[in-house]
N, C-alpha and C. Protein backbone atom coordinates (compact mmCIF):
# COMPACT_ATOMS: atom_id res chain seq x y z
N MET A 1 93.06 108.91 111.18
CA MET A 1 94.41 108.97 110.65
C MET A 1 95.29 107.97 111.38
N ASP A 2 96.08 107.24 110.65
CA ASP A 2 96.90 106.20 111.23
C ASP A 2 98.04 106.73 112.08
N ASN A 3 98.64 107.82 111.70
CA ASN A 3 99.78 108.37 112.40
C ASN A 3 99.29 109.46 113.35
N PRO A 4 99.33 109.24 114.67
CA PRO A 4 98.75 110.19 115.60
C PRO A 4 99.42 111.56 115.58
N GLY A 5 100.66 111.67 115.14
CA GLY A 5 101.34 112.95 115.10
C GLY A 5 101.07 113.75 113.85
N TYR A 6 100.34 113.18 112.91
CA TYR A 6 100.12 113.82 111.62
C TYR A 6 99.44 115.18 111.76
N GLU A 7 98.41 115.26 112.60
CA GLU A 7 97.67 116.51 112.72
C GLU A 7 98.53 117.61 113.32
N GLN A 8 99.44 117.27 114.23
CA GLN A 8 100.28 118.28 114.84
C GLN A 8 101.36 118.77 113.87
N VAL A 9 101.82 117.91 112.99
CA VAL A 9 102.88 118.27 112.07
C VAL A 9 102.32 119.04 110.88
N LEU A 10 101.22 118.58 110.33
CA LEU A 10 100.62 119.20 109.17
C LEU A 10 99.25 119.74 109.54
N CYS A 11 99.06 121.02 109.32
CA CYS A 11 97.77 121.58 109.67
C CYS A 11 97.30 122.51 108.55
N GLY A 12 96.04 122.72 108.53
CA GLY A 12 95.43 123.57 107.52
C GLY A 12 93.93 123.44 107.67
N PRO A 13 93.17 123.99 106.75
CA PRO A 13 91.72 123.83 106.80
C PRO A 13 91.37 122.34 106.83
N PRO A 14 90.48 121.94 107.73
CA PRO A 14 90.18 120.51 107.90
C PRO A 14 89.83 119.77 106.61
N HIS A 15 89.08 120.40 105.71
CA HIS A 15 88.71 119.70 104.47
C HIS A 15 89.93 119.46 103.58
N LEU A 16 90.92 120.34 103.64
CA LEU A 16 92.13 120.13 102.84
C LEU A 16 93.06 119.11 103.48
N VAL A 17 93.10 119.09 104.81
CA VAL A 17 93.88 118.06 105.50
C VAL A 17 93.29 116.69 105.19
N ARG A 18 91.95 116.59 105.19
CA ARG A 18 91.29 115.31 104.85
C ARG A 18 91.58 114.91 103.41
N LEU A 19 91.57 115.87 102.49
CA LEU A 19 91.88 115.58 101.09
C LEU A 19 93.31 115.07 100.96
N ALA A 20 94.25 115.72 101.63
CA ALA A 20 95.65 115.29 101.59
C ALA A 20 95.80 113.89 102.16
N GLU A 21 95.13 113.61 103.26
CA GLU A 21 95.20 112.29 103.87
C GLU A 21 94.61 111.23 102.94
N LEU A 22 93.51 111.54 102.27
CA LEU A 22 92.90 110.60 101.33
C LEU A 22 93.87 110.29 100.18
N ILE A 23 94.50 111.32 99.64
CA ILE A 23 95.47 111.12 98.56
C ILE A 23 96.60 110.23 99.05
N TYR A 24 97.12 110.51 100.24
CA TYR A 24 98.21 109.70 100.79
C TYR A 24 97.76 108.24 100.98
N GLN A 25 96.59 108.04 101.56
CA GLN A 25 96.10 106.68 101.80
C GLN A 25 95.89 105.92 100.49
N MET A 26 95.37 106.58 99.48
CA MET A 26 95.18 105.93 98.18
C MET A 26 96.54 105.58 97.56
N LEU A 27 97.51 106.47 97.72
CA LEU A 27 98.85 106.21 97.19
C LEU A 27 99.47 104.98 97.83
N VAL A 28 99.45 104.92 99.17
CA VAL A 28 100.10 103.79 99.85
C VAL A 28 99.26 102.52 99.79
N SER A 29 98.02 102.62 99.33
CA SER A 29 97.25 101.39 99.09
C SER A 29 97.68 100.76 97.76
N LYS A 30 98.24 101.57 96.86
CA LYS A 30 98.72 101.06 95.57
C LYS A 30 100.20 100.70 95.61
N TYR A 31 100.99 101.50 96.33
CA TYR A 31 102.44 101.32 96.40
C TYR A 31 102.88 101.42 97.86
N SER A 32 103.70 100.50 98.31
CA SER A 32 104.22 100.62 99.68
C SER A 32 105.27 101.73 99.71
N LEU A 33 105.54 102.24 100.90
CA LEU A 33 106.59 103.26 101.03
C LEU A 33 107.92 102.73 100.51
N GLU A 34 108.20 101.46 100.79
CA GLU A 34 109.45 100.86 100.33
C GLU A 34 109.52 100.84 98.80
N GLU A 35 108.39 100.53 98.15
CA GLU A 35 108.36 100.52 96.69
C GLU A 35 108.59 101.92 96.13
N ILE A 36 107.96 102.91 96.74
CA ILE A 36 108.13 104.29 96.28
C ILE A 36 109.58 104.72 96.47
N MET A 37 110.15 104.43 97.64
CA MET A 37 111.54 104.78 97.90
C MET A 37 112.48 104.11 96.89
N ALA A 38 112.22 102.85 96.58
CA ALA A 38 113.05 102.12 95.61
C ALA A 38 112.94 102.74 94.22
N LEU A 39 111.73 103.14 93.82
CA LEU A 39 111.55 103.79 92.52
C LEU A 39 112.29 105.12 92.47
N VAL A 40 112.20 105.89 93.56
CA VAL A 40 112.91 107.18 93.61
C VAL A 40 114.41 106.95 93.49
N ALA A 41 114.93 105.96 94.23
CA ALA A 41 116.36 105.67 94.18
C ALA A 41 116.78 105.19 92.79
N LYS A 42 115.97 104.35 92.19
CA LYS A 42 116.29 103.81 90.86
C LYS A 42 116.31 104.91 89.80
N HIS A 43 115.42 105.88 89.94
CA HIS A 43 115.30 106.97 88.97
C HIS A 43 115.74 108.29 89.60
N ARG A 44 116.83 108.24 90.33
CA ARG A 44 117.29 109.40 91.12
C ARG A 44 117.53 110.65 90.28
N ASN A 45 117.80 110.51 89.00
CA ASN A 45 118.06 111.67 88.15
C ASN A 45 116.81 112.17 87.43
N LYS A 46 115.68 111.59 87.74
CA LYS A 46 114.41 111.99 87.13
C LYS A 46 113.46 112.47 88.22
N MET A 47 112.54 113.33 87.85
CA MET A 47 111.51 113.75 88.79
C MET A 47 110.40 112.69 88.80
N MET A 48 109.86 112.46 89.98
CA MET A 48 108.71 111.56 90.11
C MET A 48 107.57 112.38 90.71
N PHE A 49 106.38 112.18 90.18
CA PHE A 49 105.22 112.94 90.63
C PHE A 49 104.09 112.00 91.06
N ILE A 50 103.37 112.44 92.08
CA ILE A 50 102.08 111.85 92.43
C ILE A 50 101.09 112.63 91.57
N VAL A 51 100.26 111.92 90.82
CA VAL A 51 99.30 112.57 89.95
C VAL A 51 97.90 112.16 90.38
N THR A 52 97.07 113.16 90.64
CA THR A 52 95.67 112.94 91.01
C THR A 52 94.92 114.23 90.72
N SER A 53 93.66 114.26 91.06
CA SER A 53 92.89 115.49 90.88
C SER A 53 92.09 115.77 92.14
N ARG A 54 91.78 117.02 92.32
CA ARG A 54 90.96 117.41 93.48
C ARG A 54 89.56 116.80 93.36
N SER A 55 89.06 116.66 92.14
CA SER A 55 87.71 116.14 91.95
C SER A 55 87.63 114.62 92.06
N ASN A 56 88.75 113.92 91.88
CA ASN A 56 88.76 112.46 91.98
C ASN A 56 90.05 112.00 92.68
N PRO A 57 90.19 112.34 93.97
CA PRO A 57 91.43 112.02 94.68
C PRO A 57 91.63 110.53 94.93
N GLY A 58 90.61 109.73 94.67
CA GLY A 58 90.75 108.29 94.83
C GLY A 58 91.54 107.64 93.71
N LYS A 59 91.72 108.36 92.63
CA LYS A 59 92.51 107.86 91.50
C LYS A 59 93.89 108.52 91.56
N VAL A 60 94.87 107.75 92.01
CA VAL A 60 96.23 108.26 92.24
C VAL A 60 97.22 107.42 91.45
N SER A 61 98.17 108.09 90.82
CA SER A 61 99.22 107.40 90.07
C SER A 61 100.58 108.01 90.40
N LEU A 62 101.62 107.23 90.15
CA LEU A 62 102.98 107.75 90.19
C LEU A 62 103.47 107.85 88.76
N VAL A 63 104.11 108.97 88.43
CA VAL A 63 104.64 109.18 87.09
C VAL A 63 106.12 109.53 87.22
N ILE A 64 106.95 108.82 86.49
CA ILE A 64 108.37 109.14 86.41
C ILE A 64 108.55 109.97 85.15
N ASP A 65 109.04 111.19 85.33
CA ASP A 65 109.17 112.13 84.22
C ASP A 65 110.47 111.86 83.47
N MET A 66 110.42 110.97 82.50
CA MET A 66 111.61 110.56 81.75
C MET A 66 112.11 111.63 80.78
N GLU A 67 111.23 112.54 80.37
CA GLU A 67 111.59 113.53 79.36
C GLU A 67 111.58 114.96 79.89
N GLY A 68 111.34 115.15 81.17
CA GLY A 68 111.34 116.49 81.74
C GLY A 68 110.19 117.38 81.27
N LYS A 69 109.05 116.76 80.99
CA LYS A 69 107.93 117.55 80.46
C LYS A 69 106.86 117.88 81.50
N TYR A 70 106.96 117.33 82.70
CA TYR A 70 105.95 117.60 83.73
C TYR A 70 106.45 118.64 84.71
N ARG A 71 105.53 119.37 85.32
CA ARG A 71 105.84 120.39 86.30
C ARG A 71 104.85 120.28 87.46
N TYR A 72 105.26 120.80 88.59
CA TYR A 72 104.39 120.88 89.77
C TYR A 72 103.11 121.61 89.41
N SER A 73 102.00 121.09 89.88
CA SER A 73 100.72 121.74 89.69
C SER A 73 99.88 121.53 90.94
N SER A 74 99.30 122.63 91.42
CA SER A 74 98.45 122.54 92.62
C SER A 74 97.02 122.97 92.31
N GLY A 75 96.66 122.98 91.03
CA GLY A 75 95.31 123.36 90.63
C GLY A 75 94.35 122.19 90.73
N GLY A 76 93.42 122.12 89.80
CA GLY A 76 92.46 121.01 89.79
C GLY A 76 93.15 119.68 89.57
N LEU A 77 94.14 119.67 88.68
CA LEU A 77 94.98 118.49 88.47
C LEU A 77 96.24 118.69 89.30
N LEU A 78 96.54 117.73 90.15
CA LEU A 78 97.69 117.83 91.05
C LEU A 78 98.86 117.01 90.53
N PHE A 79 99.99 117.66 90.33
CA PHE A 79 101.26 117.00 90.05
C PHE A 79 102.16 117.34 91.22
N ILE A 80 102.34 116.38 92.12
CA ILE A 80 103.05 116.60 93.38
C ILE A 80 104.40 115.91 93.33
N PRO A 81 105.51 116.67 93.43
CA PRO A 81 106.83 116.04 93.40
C PRO A 81 107.03 115.10 94.60
N VAL A 82 107.58 113.94 94.32
CA VAL A 82 107.95 113.00 95.38
C VAL A 82 109.34 113.40 95.85
N PRO A 83 109.51 113.66 97.16
CA PRO A 83 110.82 114.10 97.66
C PRO A 83 111.86 112.99 97.55
N LYS A 84 113.11 113.40 97.30
CA LYS A 84 114.19 112.45 97.09
C LYS A 84 115.13 112.31 98.28
N LYS A 85 115.27 113.35 99.07
CA LYS A 85 116.32 113.39 100.09
C LYS A 85 116.36 112.13 100.95
N PHE A 86 115.24 111.74 101.51
CA PHE A 86 115.22 110.62 102.45
C PHE A 86 115.00 109.27 101.76
N ALA A 87 114.99 109.27 100.44
CA ALA A 87 114.96 108.02 99.68
C ALA A 87 116.31 107.74 99.05
N VAL A 88 117.06 108.80 98.74
CA VAL A 88 118.32 108.64 98.01
C VAL A 88 119.52 109.10 98.84
N LEU A 89 119.53 110.36 99.25
CA LEU A 89 120.70 110.93 99.91
C LEU A 89 120.89 110.41 101.33
N GLU A 90 119.83 110.36 102.09
CA GLU A 90 119.86 109.89 103.48
C GLU A 90 118.67 108.96 103.70
N PRO A 91 118.72 107.73 103.19
CA PRO A 91 117.54 106.86 103.27
C PRO A 91 117.01 106.68 104.69
N ASP A 92 115.75 107.04 104.88
CA ASP A 92 115.09 106.92 106.17
C ASP A 92 113.59 106.87 105.91
N LYS A 93 112.98 105.73 106.16
CA LYS A 93 111.57 105.53 105.84
C LYS A 93 110.66 106.51 106.57
N HIS A 94 110.92 106.74 107.86
CA HIS A 94 110.06 107.65 108.64
C HIS A 94 110.11 109.07 108.08
N TYR A 95 111.30 109.59 107.85
CA TYR A 95 111.42 110.95 107.32
C TYR A 95 110.89 111.04 105.89
N PHE A 96 111.09 109.99 105.11
CA PHE A 96 110.53 109.97 103.76
C PHE A 96 109.01 110.07 103.84
N GLU A 97 108.40 109.29 104.71
CA GLU A 97 106.94 109.33 104.86
C GLU A 97 106.46 110.72 105.26
N GLN A 98 107.15 111.35 106.21
CA GLN A 98 106.73 112.68 106.67
C GLN A 98 106.87 113.73 105.58
N THR A 99 107.98 113.69 104.82
CA THR A 99 108.14 114.69 103.75
C THR A 99 107.18 114.43 102.59
N LEU A 100 106.87 113.17 102.35
CA LEU A 100 105.88 112.83 101.32
C LEU A 100 104.51 113.37 101.72
N LYS A 101 104.10 113.12 102.96
CA LYS A 101 102.82 113.65 103.45
C LYS A 101 102.81 115.17 103.40
N ALA A 102 103.93 115.78 103.79
CA ALA A 102 104.01 117.25 103.78
C ALA A 102 103.84 117.78 102.36
N ASN A 103 104.52 117.19 101.38
CA ASN A 103 104.39 117.66 100.00
C ASN A 103 102.96 117.53 99.50
N ILE A 104 102.29 116.45 99.87
CA ILE A 104 100.90 116.28 99.44
C ILE A 104 100.04 117.40 100.01
N LEU A 105 100.16 117.65 101.32
CA LEU A 105 99.35 118.70 101.93
C LEU A 105 99.73 120.07 101.38
N LEU A 106 101.01 120.34 101.23
CA LEU A 106 101.43 121.64 100.70
C LEU A 106 100.87 121.87 99.30
N ALA A 107 100.86 120.84 98.48
CA ALA A 107 100.28 120.98 97.13
C ALA A 107 98.78 121.22 97.21
N VAL A 108 98.10 120.49 98.08
CA VAL A 108 96.66 120.67 98.26
C VAL A 108 96.36 122.10 98.74
N LEU A 109 97.25 122.63 99.59
CA LEU A 109 97.09 124.00 100.08
C LEU A 109 97.43 125.04 99.01
N GLY A 110 98.10 124.60 97.94
CA GLY A 110 98.42 125.49 96.83
C GLY A 110 99.66 126.35 97.03
N VAL A 111 100.61 125.87 97.81
CA VAL A 111 101.82 126.66 98.06
C VAL A 111 102.68 126.76 96.81
N ASP A 112 103.61 127.70 96.84
CA ASP A 112 104.58 127.87 95.76
C ASP A 112 105.51 126.66 95.73
N GLU A 113 105.98 126.31 94.56
CA GLU A 113 106.82 125.13 94.39
C GLU A 113 108.08 125.16 95.26
N LYS A 114 108.62 126.34 95.49
CA LYS A 114 109.86 126.45 96.27
C LYS A 114 109.67 126.04 97.73
N GLU A 115 108.43 125.93 98.19
CA GLU A 115 108.14 125.53 99.57
C GLU A 115 108.13 124.01 99.75
N LEU A 116 108.15 123.26 98.67
CA LEU A 116 108.06 121.80 98.74
C LEU A 116 109.39 121.18 99.14
N HIS A 117 109.32 119.99 99.71
CA HIS A 117 110.51 119.21 100.03
C HIS A 117 111.05 118.59 98.75
N ARG A 118 112.36 118.53 98.65
CA ARG A 118 112.99 117.95 97.46
C ARG A 118 113.69 116.67 97.77
């Protein structure tokens, strides 16, 4: 893991932590954090989701929900909300990265939607 503090901040069953880290790494290999933050800011009134699946976590996409038809999902198909606070309200790349990683792991762990960062 690139960020040495990641394991201390986010914990869970090792196989799920590895899955969350893989999803995050695949996401940032396609889009830089700056690009994701800019997309969130540009579409501040829309929800943005990371879309992937537990069976194929190497295939990751970002979806901007223009019509309000997508919802959080932590099942086989993952629809993970991208947090807005540190991209729009209080822009901070470090905190954005941490809340993004947290949302990915929380979704992989299957938590209730109300537990996610917004």
